[in-house]
PDB file of N, CA and C in Angstrom:
ATOM      1  N   MET A   1       0.730  -1.229  -0.137  1.00  0.00           N
ATOM      2  CA  MET A   1      -0.083   0.227   0.197  1.00  0.00           C
ATOM      3  C   MET A   1       0.652   1.186   0.047  1.00  0.00           C
ATOM      4  N   SER A   2       0.629   2.196  -0.677  1.00  0.00           N
ATOM      5  CA  SER A   2       1.369   3.349  -1.105  1.00  0.00           C
ATOM      6  C   SER A   2       1.021   4.263   0.405  1.00  0.00           C
ATOM      7  N   ASP A   3       1.881   5.091   0.710  1.00  0.00           N
ATOM      8  CA  ASP A   3       1.956   5.820   1.638  1.00  0.00           C
ATOM      9  C   ASP A   3       1.747   7.493   1.380  1.00  0.00           C
ATOM     10  N   HIS A   4       1.034   7.712   0.173  1.00  0.00           N
ATOM     11  CA  HIS A   4       0.829   8.938  -0.303  1.00  0.00           C
ATOM     12  C   HIS A   4      -0.432   8.727  -1.284  1.00  0.00           C
ATOM     13  N   HIS A   5      -1.055   9.878  -1.530  1.00  0.00           N
ATOM     14  CA  HIS A   5      -2.176  10.222  -2.200  1.00  0.00           C
ATOM     15  C   HIS A   5      -2.004  11.329  -3.217  1.00  0.00           C
ATOM     16  N   THR A   6      -2.629  10.982  -4.345  1.00  0.00           N
ATOM     17  CA  THR A   6      -3.010  12.154  -5.167  1.00  0.00           C
ATOM     18  C   THR A   6      -4.413  12.492  -5.354  1.00  0.00           C
ATOM     19  N   TYR A   7      -4.743  14.064  -5.364  1.00  0.00           N
ATOM     20  CA  TYR A   7      -6.031  14.307  -5.037  1.00  0.00           C
ATOM     21  C   TYR A   7      -6.225  15.173  -6.358  1.00  0.00           C
ATOM     22  N   LYS A   8      -7.652  15.171  -6.646  1.00  0.00           N
ATOM     23  CA  LYS A   8      -7.887  16.447  -7.913  1.00  0.00           C
ATOM     24  C   LYS A   8      -9.088  17.178  -7.066  1.00  0.00           C
ATOM     25  N   LYS A   9      -9.080  18.302  -7.713  1.00  0.00           N
ATOM     26  CA  LYS A   9     -10.053  19.374  -6.808  1.00  0.00           C
ATOM     27  C   LYS A   9     -10.903  19.810  -8.252  1.00  0.00           C
ATOM     28  N   ILE A  10     -12.288  19.844  -7.722  1.00  0.00           N
ATOM     29  CA  ILE A  10     -13.199  20.485  -8.613  1.00  0.00           C
ATOM     30  C   ILE A  10     -14.319  21.398  -7.599  1.00  0.00           C
ATOM     31  N   GLU A  11     -14.965  22.350  -8.521  1.00  0.00           N
ATOM     32  CA  GLU A  11     -15.587  23.480  -7.799  1.00  0.00           C
ATOM     33  C   GLU A  11     -17.304  23.302  -8.180  1.00  0.00           C
ATOM     34  N   ILE A  12     -17.972  23.081  -6.982  1.00  0.00           N
ATOM     35  CA  ILE A  12     -19.452  23.132  -7.416  1.00  0.00           C
ATOM     36  C   ILE A  12     -20.203  24.019  -6.565  1.00  0.00           C
ATOM     37  N   VAL A  13     -21.480  24.218  -7.040  1.00  0.00           N
ATOM     38  CA  VAL A  13     -22.592  24.980  -5.995  1.00  0.00           C
ATOM     39  C   VAL A  13     -23.576  24.344  -5.650  1.00  0.00           C
ATOM     40  N   GLY A  14     -23.837  24.601  -4.419  1.00  0.00           N
ATOM     41  CA  GLY A  14     -24.978  23.688  -3.922  1.00  0.00           C
ATOM     42  C   GLY A  14     -25.947  25.125  -3.492  1.00  0.00           C
ATOM     43  N   SER A  15     -27.320  24.695  -3.282  1.00  0.00           N
ATOM     44  CA  SER A  15     -28.259  25.675  -2.769  1.00  0.00           C
ATOM     45  C   SER A  15     -29.398  25.363  -1.953  1.00  0.00           C
ATOM     46  N   SER A  16     -30.199  26.142  -0.982  1.00  0.00           N
ATOM     47  CA  SER A  16     -30.825  25.705  -0.339  1.00  0.00           C
ATOM     48  C   SER A  16     -31.947  26.952  -0.015  1.00  0.00           C
ATOM     49  N   LYS A  17     -33.302  26.649   0.162  1.00  0.00           N
ATOM     50  CA  LYS A  17     -33.887  27.516   0.674  1.00  0.00           C
ATOM     51  C   LYS A  17     -33.903  27.539   2.136  1.00  0.00           C
ATOM     52  N   THR A  18     -33.518  26.591   2.844  1.00  0.00           N
ATOM     53  CA  THR A  18     -33.179  26.713   4.301  1.00  0.00           C
ATOM     54  C   THR A  18     -32.173  27.241   5.012  1.00  0.00           C
ATOM     55  N   SER A  19     -30.921  26.744   4.562  1.00  0.00           N
ATOM     56  CA  SER A  19     -29.485  27.349   5.342  1.00  0.00           C
ATOM     57  C   SER A  19     -28.573  27.198   4.630  1.00  0.00           C
ATOM     58  N   ILE A  20     -27.271  27.810   5.053  1.00  0.00           N
ATOM     59  CA  ILE A  20     -26.161  27.499   4.206  1.00  0.00           C
ATOM     60  C   ILE A  20     -25.590  25.996   4.465  1.00  0.00           C
ATOM     61  N   GLU A  21     -26.151  25.583   5.901  1.00  0.00           N
ATOM     62  CA  GLU A  21     -25.459  24.409   5.996  1.00  0.00           C
ATOM     63  C   GLU A  21     -26.095  23.096   5.124  1.00  0.00           C
ATOM     64  N   ASN A  22     -27.472  23.448   4.649  1.00  0.00           N
ATOM     65  CA  ASN A  22     -28.414  22.638   4.020  1.00  0.00           C
ATOM     66  C   ASN A  22     -27.812  22.647   2.514  1.00  0.00           C
ATOM     67  N   ALA A  23     -27.242  23.667   2.232  1.00  0.00           N
ATOM     68  CA  ALA A  23     -26.739  23.999   0.782  1.00  0.00           C
ATOM     69  C   ALA A  23     -25.387  23.197   0.672  1.00  0.00           C
ATOM     70  N   ILE A  24     -24.533  23.156   1.638  1.00  0.00           N
ATOM     71  CA  ILE A  24     -23.406  22.316   1.745  1.00  0.00           C
ATOM     72  C   ILE A  24     -24.007  20.853   1.614  1.00  0.00           C
ATOM     73  N   GLU A  25     -24.626  20.337   2.398  1.00  0.00           N
ATOM     74  CA  GLU A  25     -24.994  18.797   2.452  1.00  0.00           C
ATOM     75  C   GLU A  25     -25.745  18.596   1.038  1.00  0.00           C
ATOM     76  N   ASN A  26     -26.574  19.685   0.351  1.00  0.00           N
ATOM     77  CA  ASN A  26     -27.109  19.253  -1.006  1.00  0.00           C
ATOM     78  C   ASN A  26     -26.042  19.146  -2.085  1.00  0.00           C
ATOM     79  N   ALA A  27     -25.064  19.714  -1.980  1.00  0.00           N
ATOM     80  CA  ALA A  27     -23.985  19.901  -2.885  1.00  0.00           C
ATOM     81  C   ALA A  27     -23.242  18.600  -2.749  1.00  0.00           C
ATOM     82  N   LEU A  28     -22.812  18.222  -1.481  1.00  0.00           N
ATOM     83  CA  LEU A  28     -21.949  17.145  -1.309  1.00  0.00           C
ATOM     84  C   LEU A  28     -22.805  15.661  -1.614  1.00  0.00           C
ATOM     85  N   ALA A  29     -24.122  15.757  -1.416  1.00  0.00           N
ATOM     86  CA  ALA A  29     -24.791  14.559  -1.708  1.00  0.00           C
ATOM     87  C   ALA A  29     -25.026  14.365  -3.296  1.00  0.00           C
ATOM     88  N   GLU A  30     -25.370  15.487  -4.009  1.00  0.00           N
ATOM     89  CA  GLU A  30     -25.307  15.496  -5.401  1.00  0.00           C
ATOM     90  C   GLU A  30     -24.072  14.955  -5.953  1.00  0.00           C
ATOM     91  N   CYS A  31     -22.786  15.737  -5.328  1.00  0.00           N
ATOM     92  CA  CYS A  31     -21.507  15.226  -6.256  1.00  0.00           C
ATOM     93  C   CYS A  31     -21.298  13.804  -5.778  1.00  0.00           C
ATOM     94  N   ALA A  32     -21.380  13.176  -4.721  1.00  0.00           N
ATOM     95  CA  ALA A  32     -21.355  11.794  -4.358  1.00  0.00           C
ATOM     96  C   ALA A  32     -22.053  10.851  -5.325  1.00  0.00           C
ATOM     97  N   LYS A  33     -22.837  11.254  -5.878  1.00  0.00           N
ATOM     98  CA  LYS A  33     -23.691  10.370  -7.038  1.00  0.00           C
ATOM     99  C   LYS A  33     -22.517  10.028  -8.291  1.00  0.00           C
ATOM    100  N   SER A  34     -21.649  11.031  -8.381  1.00  0.00           N
ATOM    101  CA  SER A  34     -20.808  10.662  -9.490  1.00  0.00           C
ATOM    102  C   SER A  34     -19.425  10.642  -9.320  1.00  0.00           C
ATOM    103  N   VAL A  35     -18.743  11.271  -8.243  1.00  0.00           N
ATOM    104  CA  VAL A  35     -17.566  11.399  -7.727  1.00  0.00           C
ATOM    105  C   VAL A  35     -17.404  10.506  -6.451  1.00  0.00           C
ATOM    106  N   ARG A  36     -16.373   9.626  -6.731  1.00  0.00           N
ATOM    107  CA  ARG A  36     -15.824   8.813  -5.612  1.00  0.00           C
ATOM    108  C   ARG A  36     -14.617   9.225  -4.818  1.00  0.00           C
ATOM    109  N   ASN A  37     -14.366   8.609  -3.587  1.00  0.00           N
ATOM    110  CA  ASN A  37     -13.322   8.961  -2.852  1.00  0.00           C
ATOM    111  C   ASN A  37     -13.003  10.231  -2.427  1.00  0.00           C
ATOM    112  N   MET A  38     -14.323  11.068  -2.469  1.00  0.00           N
ATOM    113  CA  MET A  38     -14.391  12.475  -1.790  1.00  0.00           C
ATOM    114  C   MET A  38     -13.588  12.328  -0.245  1.00  0.00           C
ATOM    115  N   ASP A  39     -12.511  13.461  -0.005  1.00  0.00           N
ATOM    116  CA  ASP A  39     -12.084  13.418   1.227  1.00  0.00           C
ATOM    117  C   ASP A  39     -12.354  14.726   2.003  1.00  0.00           C
ATOM    118  N   TRP A  40     -12.321  15.839   1.326  1.00  0.00           N
ATOM    119  CA  TRP A  40     -12.557  17.168   2.109  1.00  0.00           C
ATOM    120  C   TRP A  40     -13.309  18.045   1.201  1.00  0.00           C
ATOM    121  N   PHE A  41     -13.748  19.147   1.710  1.00  0.00           N
ATOM    122  CA  PHE A  41     -14.065  20.416   0.901  1.00  0.00           C
ATOM    123  C   PHE A  41     -13.965  21.478   1.626  1.00  0.00           C
ATOM    124  N   GLU A  42     -13.986  22.614   0.868  1.00  0.00           N
ATOM    125  CA  GLU A  42     -13.661  24.115   1.339  1.00  0.00           C
ATOM    126  C   GLU A  42     -14.824  24.997   0.817  1.00  0.00           C
ATOM    127  N   VAL A  43     -15.526  25.670   1.646  1.00  0.00           N
ATOM    128  CA  VAL A  43     -16.497  26.850   1.348  1.00  0.00           C
ATOM    129  C   VAL A  43     -15.477  27.919   0.927  1.00  0.00           C
ATOM    130  N   VAL A  44     -15.893  28.305  -0.544  1.00  0.00           N
ATOM    131  CA  VAL A  44     -14.811  29.692  -1.084  1.00  0.00           C
ATOM    132  C   VAL A  44     -15.825  30.643  -1.379  1.00  0.00           C
ATOM    133  N   GLU A  45     -17.145  30.539  -1.159  1.00  0.00           N
ATOM    134  CA  GLU A  45     -18.134  31.667  -1.514  1.00  0.00           C
ATOM    135  C   GLU A  45     -19.282  31.269  -0.903  1.00  0.00           C
ATOM    136  N   THR A  46     -19.876  32.172  -0.110  1.00  0.00           N
ATOM    137  CA  THR A  46     -21.428  32.191   0.328  1.00  0.00           C
ATOM    138  C   THR A  46     -22.003  33.529  -0.292  1.00  0.00           C
ATOM    139  N   ARG A  47     -23.269  32.960  -0.828  1.00  0.00           N
ATOM    140  CA  ARG A  47     -24.136  34.099  -1.499  1.00  0.00           C
ATOM    141  C   ARG A  47     -25.664  33.612  -1.192  1.00  0.00           C
ATOM    142  N   GLY A  48     -26.491  34.776  -1.655  1.00  0.00           N
ATOM    143  CA  GLY A  48     -28.055  34.235  -1.730  1.00  0.00           C
ATOM    144  C   GLY A  48     -28.759  35.193  -2.528  1.00  0.00           C
ATOM    145  N   HIS A  49     -30.064  34.605  -2.737  1.00  0.00           N
ATOM    146  CA  HIS A  49     -31.161  35.210  -3.801  1.00  0.00           C
ATOM    147  C   HIS A  49     -31.945  36.047  -2.614  1.00  0.00           C
ATOM    148  N   ILE A  50     -32.507  37.369  -2.709  1.00  0.00           N
ATOM    149  CA  ILE A  50     -33.224  38.107  -2.220  1.00  0.00           C
ATOM    150  C   ILE A  50     -34.774  38.190  -2.699  1.00  0.00           C
ATOM    151  N   VAL A  51     -35.622  37.772  -1.834  1.00  0.00           N
ATOM    152  CA  VAL A  51     -37.022  37.878  -2.618  1.00  0.00           C
ATOM    153  C   VAL A  51     -37.813  38.658  -1.356  1.00  0.00           C
ATOM    154  N   ASP A  52     -38.251  39.759  -1.971  1.00  0.00           N
ATOM    155  CA  ASP A  52     -39.290  40.715  -0.941  1.00  0.00           C
ATOM    156  C   ASP A  52     -38.466  40.822   0.346  1.00  0.00           C
ATOM    157  N   GLY A  53     -36.926  41.098   0.023  1.00  0.00           N
ATOM    158  CA  GLY A  53     -36.430  41.776   1.312  1.00  0.00           C
ATOM    159  C   GLY A  53     -35.862  40.770   2.457  1.00  0.00           C
ATOM    160  N   LYS A  54     -36.448  39.481   1.889  1.00  0.00           N
ATOM    161  CA  LYS A  54     -35.855  38.175   2.860  1.00  0.00           C
ATOM    162  C   LYS A  54     -34.977  37.108   1.985  1.00  0.00           C
ATOM    163  N   VAL A  55     -34.265  36.364   2.518  1.00  0.00           N
ATOM    164  CA  VAL A  55     -33.772  35.441   1.826  1.00  0.00           C
ATOM    165  C   VAL A  55     -34.606  34.352   1.091  1.00  0.00           C
ATOM    166  N   GLY A  56     -34.495  34.316  -0.411  1.00  0.00           N
ATOM    167  CA  GLY A  56     -35.153  33.418  -1.101  1.00  0.00           C
ATOM    168  C   GLY A  56     -34.496  32.156  -1.141  1.00  0.00           C
ATOM    169  N   HIS A  57     -33.025  32.011  -1.340  1.00  0.00           N
ATOM    170  CA  HIS A  57     -32.260  30.885  -1.195  1.00  0.00           C
ATOM    171  C   HIS A  57     -30.799  31.061  -0.908  1.00  0.00           C
ATOM    172  N   TYR A  58     -30.160  30.250  -0.378  1.00  0.00           N
ATOM    173  CA  TYR A  58     -28.669  30.192  -0.006  1.00  0.00           C
ATOM    174  C   TYR A  58     -27.935  29.649  -1.339  1.00  0.00           C
ATOM    175  N   GLN A  59     -26.811  30.089  -1.746  1.00  0.00           N
ATOM    176  CA  GLN A  59     -25.808  29.270  -2.575  1.00  0.00           C
ATOM    177  C   GLN A  59     -24.548  29.546  -1.854  1.00  0.00           C
ATOM    178  N   VAL A  60     -23.834  28.110  -2.031  1.00  0.00           N
ATOM    179  CA  VAL A  60     -22.605  28.019  -1.563  1.00  0.00           C
ATOM    180  C   VAL A  60     -21.660  27.317  -2.417  1.00  0.00           C
ATOM    181  N   THR A  61     -20.540  28.063  -2.712  1.00  0.00           N
ATOM    182  CA  THR A  61     -19.408  27.552  -3.738  1.00  0.00           C
ATOM    183  C   THR A  61     -18.345  26.670  -2.814  1.00  0.00           C
ATOM    184  N   LEU A  62     -18.237  25.494  -3.086  1.00  0.00           N
ATOM    185  CA  LEU A  62     -17.516  24.468  -2.958  1.00  0.00           C
ATOM    186  C   LEU A  62     -16.330  24.191  -3.545  1.00  0.00           C
ATOM    187  N   LYS A  63     -15.156  23.920  -3.090  1.00  0.00           N
ATOM    188  CA  LYS A  63     -14.209  22.899  -3.721  1.00  0.00           C
ATOM    189  C   LYS A  63     -14.283  21.734  -2.842  1.00  0.00           C
ATOM    190  N   ILE A  64     -14.283  20.767  -3.738  1.00  0.00           N
ATOM    191  CA  ILE A  64     -14.480  19.066  -3.426  1.00  0.00           C
ATOM    192  C   ILE A  64     -12.863  18.601  -3.763  1.00  0.00           C
ATOM    193  N   GLY A  65     -12.267  18.037  -2.763  1.00  0.00           N
ATOM    194  CA  GLY A  65     -11.032  17.049  -2.916  1.00  0.00           C
ATOM    195  C   GLY A  65     -11.231  15.706  -2.938  1.00  0.00           C
ATOM    196  N   PHE A  66     -10.964  14.924  -3.946  1.00  0.00           N
ATOM    197  CA  PHE A  66     -10.832  13.470  -4.130  1.00  0.00           C
ATOM    198  C   PHE A  66      -9.804  12.879  -4.410  1.00  0.00           C
ATOM    199  N   ARG A  67      -9.527  11.549  -3.757  1.00  0.00           N
ATOM    200  CA  ARG A  67      -8.123  11.044  -3.983  1.00  0.00           C
ATOM    201  C   ARG A  67      -8.326  10.352  -5.429  1.00  0.00           C
ATOM    202  N   LEU A  68      -7.410  10.295  -6.301  1.00  0.00           N
ATOM    203  CA  LEU A  68      -7.046   9.818  -7.581  1.00  0.00           C
ATOM    204  C   LEU A  68      -7.048   8.125  -7.322  1.00  0.00           C
ATOM    205  N   SER A  69      -7.657   7.445  -8.164  1.00  0.00           N
ATOM    206  CA  SER A  69      -7.334   5.902  -7.930  1.00  0.00           C
ATOM    207  C   SER A  69      -6.084   5.725  -8.233  1.00  0.00           C
ATOM    208  N   SER A  70      -5.586   4.451  -7.610  1.00  0.00           N
ATOM    209  CA  SER A  70      -4.257   4.117  -7.901  1.00  0.00           C
ATOM    210  C   SER A  70      -4.155   2.930  -8.967  1.00  0.00           C
ATOM    211  N   SER A  71      -5.464   2.388  -9.225  1.00  0.00           N
ATOM    212  CA  SER A  71      -5.266   1.457 -10.173  1.00  0.00           C
ATOM    213  C   SER A  71      -5.671   1.821 -11.598  1.00  0.00           C
TER     214      SER A  71
END
């Protein structure tokens, strides 16, 4: 077994009408459907949409790091 790993990083955007945390969870859940070996995430941007002076929905941009397969 190797004692080192190589990672690739992608950027995705998640959204939620509920919260920033839920936007992160939604993004990770959707990404996990097609990306294997996800190891970490970094929130790089948080923003939202305003409707009638209130939060309409939250958007969170994430960088996802995943291990590249050694096979």
